[in-house]
Amino acid sequence: MYARTVSQIFWHSVLGREPVVVLDAPLLFESKADLLCKHTVVVHCSETTQVMMIMIRVLQSRTL
């Protein structure tokens, strides 16, 4: 996870290819990859919403 995240940040942001890079990286802080980011934004939702989104994701993956 860490190597891929670092690679994505470097390729898209540091090399100037994109002005803004959005990462969906649940382990961003745990892997210390946040140190490569100028800004971070945390999106928070209720536990009920989190469980509902996981259930939807599981159902969608089963239909593929």
PDB file of N, CA and C in Angstrom:
ATOM      1  N   MET A   1       0.835  -1.192   0.000  1.00  0.00           N
ATOM      2  CA  MET A   1       0.000   0.000   0.000  1.00  0.00           C
ATOM      3  C   MET A   1       0.880   1.255   0.000  1.00  0.00           C
ATOM      4  N   TYR A   2       1.856   1.290   0.888  1.00  0.00           N
ATOM      5  CA  TYR A   2       2.672   2.494   1.042  1.00  0.00           C
ATOM      6  C   TYR A   2       3.400   2.841  -0.242  1.00  0.00           C
ATOM      7  N   ALA A   3       4.051   1.859  -0.840  1.00  0.00           N
ATOM      8  CA  ALA A   3       4.830   2.133  -2.061  1.00  0.00           C
ATOM      9  C   ALA A   3       3.930   2.639  -3.178  1.00  0.00           C
ATOM     10  N   ARG A   4       2.756   2.062  -3.315  1.00  0.00           N
ATOM     11  CA  ARG A   4       1.838   2.498  -4.362  1.00  0.00           C
ATOM     12  C   ARG A   4       1.336   3.913  -4.088  1.00  0.00           C
ATOM     13  N   THR A   5       1.033   4.211  -2.838  1.00  0.00           N
ATOM     14  CA  THR A   5       0.562   5.546  -2.478  1.00  0.00           C
ATOM     15  C   THR A   5       1.644   6.586  -2.737  1.00  0.00           C
ATOM     16  N   VAL A   6       2.853   6.300  -2.315  1.00  0.00           N
ATOM     17  CA  VAL A   6       3.976   7.226  -2.537  1.00  0.00           C
ATOM     18  C   VAL A   6       4.180   7.433  -4.024  1.00  0.00           C
ATOM     19  N   SER A   7       4.116   6.368  -4.779  1.00  0.00           N
ATOM     20  CA  SER A   7       4.285   6.460  -6.228  1.00  0.00           C
ATOM     21  C   SER A   7       3.208   7.338  -6.854  1.00  0.00           C
ATOM     22  N   GLN A   8       1.966   7.167  -6.422  1.00  0.00           N
ATOM     23  CA  GLN A   8       0.863   7.980  -6.953  1.00  0.00           C
ATOM     24  C   GLN A   8       1.052   9.449  -6.619  1.00  0.00           C
ATOM     25  N   ILE A   9       1.400   9.739  -5.382  1.00  0.00           N
ATOM     26  CA  ILE A   9       1.607  11.134  -4.975  1.00  0.00           C
ATOM     27  C   ILE A   9       2.740  11.744  -5.789  1.00  0.00           C
ATOM     28  N   PHE A  10       3.846  11.032  -5.892  1.00  0.00           N
ATOM     29  CA  PHE A  10       5.005  11.544  -6.619  1.00  0.00           C
ATOM     30  C   PHE A  10       4.671  11.783  -8.088  1.00  0.00           C
ATOM     31  N   TRP A  11       4.074  10.791  -8.731  1.00  0.00           N
ATOM     32  CA  TRP A  11       3.801  10.869 -10.166  1.00  0.00           C
ATOM     33  C   TRP A  11       2.835  12.002 -10.494  1.00  0.00           C
ATOM     34  N   HIS A  12       1.765  12.127  -9.728  1.00  0.00           N
ATOM     35  CA  HIS A  12       0.720  13.089 -10.069  1.00  0.00           C
ATOM     36  C   HIS A  12       0.967  14.495  -9.523  1.00  0.00           C
ATOM     37  N   SER A  13       1.592  14.589  -8.393  1.00  0.00           N
ATOM     38  CA  SER A  13       1.719  15.897  -7.766  1.00  0.00           C
ATOM     39  C   SER A  13       3.127  16.469  -7.866  1.00  0.00           C
ATOM     40  N   VAL A  14       4.096  15.740  -7.393  1.00  0.00           N
ATOM     41  CA  VAL A  14       5.468  16.254  -7.354  1.00  0.00           C
ATOM     42  C   VAL A  14       5.983  16.557  -8.751  1.00  0.00           C
ATOM     43  N   LEU A  15       5.648  15.719  -9.713  1.00  0.00           N
ATOM     44  CA  LEU A  15       6.093  15.961 -11.085  1.00  0.00           C
ATOM     45  C   LEU A  15       5.262  17.029 -11.780  1.00  0.00           C
ATOM     46  N   GLY A  16       4.270  17.573 -11.071  1.00  0.00           N
ATOM     47  CA  GLY A  16       3.499  18.683 -11.599  1.00  0.00           C
ATOM     48  C   GLY A  16       2.471  18.316 -12.638  1.00  0.00           C
ATOM     49  N   ARG A  17       2.135  17.053 -12.711  1.00  0.00           N
ATOM     50  CA  ARG A  17       1.170  16.623 -13.719  1.00  0.00           C
ATOM     51  C   ARG A  17      -0.253  17.070 -13.372  1.00  0.00           C
ATOM     52  N   GLU A  18      -0.560  17.165 -12.103  1.00  0.00           N
ATOM     53  CA  GLU A  18      -1.905  17.543 -11.665  1.00  0.00           C
ATOM     54  C   GLU A  18      -1.797  18.571 -10.542  1.00  0.00           C
ATOM     55  N   PRO A  19      -2.629  19.603 -10.558  1.00  0.00           N
ATOM     56  CA  PRO A  19      -2.582  20.597  -9.479  1.00  0.00           C
ATOM     57  C   PRO A  19      -3.138  20.055  -8.161  1.00  0.00           C
ATOM     58  N   VAL A  20      -4.071  19.096  -8.251  1.00  0.00           N
ATOM     59  CA  VAL A  20      -4.679  18.514  -7.052  1.00  0.00           C
ATOM     60  C   VAL A  20      -4.760  17.007  -7.257  1.00  0.00           C
ATOM     61  N   VAL A  21      -4.380  16.274  -6.230  1.00  0.00           N
ATOM     62  CA  VAL A  21      -4.473  14.815  -6.270  1.00  0.00           C
ATOM     63  C   VAL A  21      -5.389  14.376  -5.150  1.00  0.00           C
ATOM     64  N   VAL A  22      -6.387  13.571  -5.476  1.00  0.00           N
ATOM     65  CA  VAL A  22      -7.310  13.043  -4.471  1.00  0.00           C
ATOM     66  C   VAL A  22      -7.000  11.568  -4.296  1.00  0.00           C
ATOM     67  N   LEU A  23      -6.668  11.194  -3.073  1.00  0.00           N
ATOM     68  CA  LEU A  23      -6.357   9.804  -2.766  1.00  0.00           C
ATOM     69  C   LEU A  23      -7.418   9.250  -1.829  1.00  0.00           C
ATOM     70  N   ASP A  24      -7.901   8.077  -2.141  1.00  0.00           N
ATOM     71  CA  ASP A  24      -8.761   7.354  -1.214  1.00  0.00           C
ATOM     72  C   ASP A  24      -7.856   6.335  -0.558  1.00  0.00           C
ATOM     73  N   ALA A  25      -7.191   6.766   0.490  1.00  0.00           N
ATOM     74  CA  ALA A  25      -6.146   5.946   1.102  1.00  0.00           C
ATOM     75  C   ALA A  25      -6.411   5.793   2.595  1.00  0.00           C
ATOM     76  N   PRO A  26      -7.123   4.730   2.966  1.00  0.00           N
ATOM     77  CA  PRO A  26      -7.456   4.535   4.375  1.00  0.00           C
ATOM     78  C   PRO A  26      -6.234   4.481   5.291  1.00  0.00           C
ATOM     79  N   LEU A  27      -5.103   4.052   4.791  1.00  0.00           N
ATOM     80  CA  LEU A  27      -3.904   3.925   5.617  1.00  0.00           C
ATOM     81  C   LEU A  27      -2.912   5.063   5.404  1.00  0.00           C
ATOM     82  N   LEU A  28      -3.387   6.168   4.876  1.00  0.00           N
ATOM     83  CA  LEU A  28      -2.501   7.289   4.563  1.00  0.00           C
ATOM     84  C   LEU A  28      -1.694   7.724   5.786  1.00  0.00           C
ATOM     85  N   PHE A  29      -2.354   7.898   6.920  1.00  0.00           N
ATOM     86  CA  PHE A  29      -1.666   8.375   8.120  1.00  0.00           C
ATOM     87  C   PHE A  29      -0.861   7.262   8.785  1.00  0.00           C
ATOM     88  N   GLU A  30      -1.421   6.061   8.814  1.00  0.00           N
ATOM     89  CA  GLU A  30      -0.720   4.945   9.440  1.00  0.00           C
ATOM     90  C   GLU A  30       0.586   4.624   8.724  1.00  0.00           C
ATOM     91  N   SER A  31       0.595   4.817   7.404  1.00  0.00           N
ATOM     92  CA  SER A  31       1.800   4.517   6.620  1.00  0.00           C
ATOM     93  C   SER A  31       2.745   5.711   6.522  1.00  0.00           C
ATOM     94  N   LYS A  32       2.362   6.826   7.138  1.00  0.00           N
ATOM     95  CA  LYS A  32       3.159   8.067   7.124  1.00  0.00           C
ATOM     96  C   LYS A  32       3.240   8.715   5.744  1.00  0.00           C
ATOM     97  N   ALA A  33       2.413   8.267   4.799  1.00  0.00           N
ATOM     98  CA  ALA A  33       2.418   8.869   3.466  1.00  0.00           C
ATOM     99  C   ALA A  33       1.832  10.274   3.495  1.00  0.00           C
ATOM    100  N   ASP A  34       1.138  10.621   4.573  1.00  0.00           N
ATOM    101  CA  ASP A  34       0.605  11.979   4.701  1.00  0.00           C
ATOM    102  C   ASP A  34       1.717  13.015   4.742  1.00  0.00           C
ATOM    103  N   LEU A  35       2.921  12.589   5.088  1.00  0.00           N
ATOM    104  CA  LEU A  35       4.054  13.519   5.129  1.00  0.00           C
ATOM    105  C   LEU A  35       4.402  14.039   3.738  1.00  0.00           C
ATOM    106  N   LEU A  36       3.951  13.337   2.702  1.00  0.00           N
ATOM    107  CA  LEU A  36       4.198  13.762   1.334  1.00  0.00           C
ATOM    108  C   LEU A  36       3.113  14.698   0.812  1.00  0.00           C
ATOM    109  N   CYS A  37       2.091  14.917   1.611  1.00  0.00           N
ATOM    110  CA  CYS A  37       0.950  15.731   1.191  1.00  0.00           C
ATOM    111  C   CYS A  37       1.044  17.130   1.786  1.00  0.00           C
ATOM    112  N   LYS A  38       0.732  18.115   0.982  1.00  0.00           N
ATOM    113  CA  LYS A  38       0.724  19.487   1.474  1.00  0.00           C
ATOM    114  C   LYS A  38      -0.510  19.726   2.338  1.00  0.00           C
ATOM    115  N   HIS A  39      -1.655  19.195   1.906  1.00  0.00           N
ATOM    116  CA  HIS A  39      -2.906  19.318   2.643  1.00  0.00           C
ATOM    117  C   HIS A  39      -3.601  17.969   2.677  1.00  0.00           C
ATOM    118  N   THR A  40      -4.308  17.713   3.747  1.00  0.00           N
ATOM    119  CA  THR A  40      -5.151  16.514   3.815  1.00  0.00           C
ATOM    120  C   THR A  40      -6.541  16.939   4.280  1.00  0.00           C
ATOM    121  N   VAL A  41      -7.523  16.234   3.779  1.00  0.00           N
ATOM    122  CA  VAL A  41      -8.915  16.481   4.155  1.00  0.00           C
ATOM    123  C   VAL A  41      -9.502  15.154   4.593  1.00  0.00           C
ATOM    124  N   VAL A  42     -10.113  15.154   5.751  1.00  0.00           N
ATOM    125  CA  VAL A  42     -10.748  13.947   6.258  1.00  0.00           C
ATOM    126  C   VAL A  42     -12.255  14.106   6.105  1.00  0.00           C
ATOM    127  N   VAL A  43     -12.868  13.096   5.512  1.00  0.00           N
ATOM    128  CA  VAL A  43     -14.324  13.095   5.364  1.00  0.00           C
ATOM    129  C   VAL A  43     -14.870  12.140   6.412  1.00  0.00           C
ATOM    130  N   HIS A  44     -15.760  12.642   7.239  1.00  0.00           N
ATOM    131  CA  HIS A  44     -16.299  11.848   8.343  1.00  0.00           C
ATOM    132  C   HIS A  44     -17.787  11.615   8.139  1.00  0.00           C
ATOM    133  N   CYS A  45     -18.240  10.440   8.516  1.00  0.00           N
ATOM    134  CA  CYS A  45     -19.665  10.146   8.507  1.00  0.00           C
ATOM    135  C   CYS A  45     -19.982   9.251   9.702  1.00  0.00           C
ATOM    136  N   SER A  46     -21.245   9.077   9.957  1.00  0.00           N
ATOM    137  CA  SER A  46     -21.659   8.275  11.108  1.00  0.00           C
ATOM    138  C   SER A  46     -21.307   6.803  10.900  1.00  0.00           C
ATOM    139  N   GLU A  47     -21.277   6.057  11.975  1.00  0.00           N
ATOM    140  CA  GLU A  47     -20.998   4.625  11.886  1.00  0.00           C
ATOM    141  C   GLU A  47     -22.067   3.916  11.057  1.00  0.00           C
ATOM    142  N   THR A  48     -23.313   4.360  11.192  1.00  0.00           N
ATOM    143  CA  THR A  48     -24.408   3.774  10.414  1.00  0.00           C
ATOM    144  C   THR A  48     -24.153   3.941   8.920  1.00  0.00           C
ATOM    145  N   THR A  49     -23.738   5.125   8.520  1.00  0.00           N
ATOM    146  CA  THR A  49     -23.441   5.387   7.114  1.00  0.00           C
ATOM    147  C   THR A  49     -22.254   4.551   6.651  1.00  0.00           C
ATOM    148  N   GLN A  50     -21.231   4.424   7.487  1.00  0.00           N
ATOM    149  CA  GLN A  50     -20.066   3.616   7.136  1.00  0.00           C
ATOM    150  C   GLN A  50     -20.468   2.170   6.869  1.00  0.00           C
ATOM    151  N   VAL A  51     -21.277   1.597   7.759  1.00  0.00           N
ATOM    152  CA  VAL A  51     -21.721   0.213   7.600  1.00  0.00           C
ATOM    153  C   VAL A  51     -22.562   0.072   6.340  1.00  0.00           C
ATOM    154  N   MET A  52     -23.433   1.030   6.090  1.00  0.00           N
ATOM    155  CA  MET A  52     -24.280   0.984   4.905  1.00  0.00           C
ATOM    156  C   MET A  52     -23.431   1.030   3.628  1.00  0.00           C
ATOM    157  N   MET A  53     -22.408   1.882   3.603  1.00  0.00           N
ATOM    158  CA  MET A  53     -21.552   1.991   2.427  1.00  0.00           C
ATOM    159  C   MET A  53     -20.756   0.699   2.200  1.00  0.00           C
ATOM    160  N   ILE A  54     -20.307   0.073   3.272  1.00  0.00           N
ATOM    161  CA  ILE A  54     -19.594  -1.203   3.145  1.00  0.00           C
ATOM    162  C   ILE A  54     -20.523  -2.272   2.588  1.00  0.00           C
ATOM    163  N   MET A  55     -21.747  -2.302   3.084  1.00  0.00           N
ATOM    164  CA  MET A  55     -22.713  -3.292   2.597  1.00  0.00           C
ATOM    165  C   MET A  55     -23.001  -3.089   1.110  1.00  0.00           C
ATOM    166  N   ILE A  56     -23.147  -1.854   0.690  1.00  0.00           N
ATOM    167  CA  ILE A  56     -23.382  -1.550  -0.729  1.00  0.00           C
ATOM    168  C   ILE A  56     -22.191  -1.991  -1.564  1.00  0.00           C
ATOM    169  N   ARG A  57     -20.975  -1.703  -1.082  1.00  0.00           N
ATOM    170  CA  ARG A  57     -19.764  -2.086  -1.810  1.00  0.00           C
ATOM    171  C   ARG A  57     -19.670  -3.603  -1.961  1.00  0.00           C
ATOM    172  N   VAL A  58     -19.996  -4.342  -0.902  1.00  0.00           N
ATOM    173  CA  VAL A  58     -19.962  -5.807  -0.952  1.00  0.00           C
ATOM    174  C   VAL A  58     -20.981  -6.327  -1.942  1.00  0.00           C
ATOM    175  N   LEU A  59     -22.180  -5.767  -1.898  1.00  0.00           N
ATOM    176  CA  LEU A  59     -23.233  -6.213  -2.826  1.00  0.00           C
ATOM    177  C   LEU A  59     -22.843  -5.916  -4.266  1.00  0.00           C
ATOM    178  N   GLN A  60     -22.275  -4.760  -4.511  1.00  0.00           N
ATOM    179  CA  GLN A  60     -21.849  -4.400  -5.867  1.00  0.00           C
ATOM    180  C   GLN A  60     -20.739  -5.310  -6.364  1.00  0.00           C
ATOM    181  N   SER A  61     -19.815  -5.677  -5.493  1.00  0.00           N
ATOM    182  CA  SER A  61     -18.710  -6.550  -5.916  1.00  0.00           C
ATOM    183  C   SER A  61     -19.212  -7.950  -6.236  1.00  0.00           C
ATOM    184  N   ARG A  62     -20.281  -8.363  -5.617  1.00  0.00           N
ATOM    185  CA  ARG A  62     -20.846  -9.696  -5.895  1.00  0.00           C
ATOM    186  C   ARG A  62     -21.576  -9.733  -7.221  1.00  0.00           C
ATOM    187  N   THR A  63     -22.045  -8.597  -7.705  1.00  0.00           N
ATOM    188  CA  THR A  63     -22.797  -8.577  -8.961  1.00  0.00           C
ATOM    189  C   THR A  63     -21.883  -8.433 -10.173  1.00  0.00           C
ATOM    190  N   LEU A  64     -20.617  -8.167  -9.949  1.00  0.00           N
ATOM    191  CA  LEU A  64     -19.671  -7.998 -11.080  1.00  0.00           C
ATOM    192  C   LEU A  64     -19.274  -9.321 -11.667  1.00  0.00           C
TER     193      LEU A  64
END
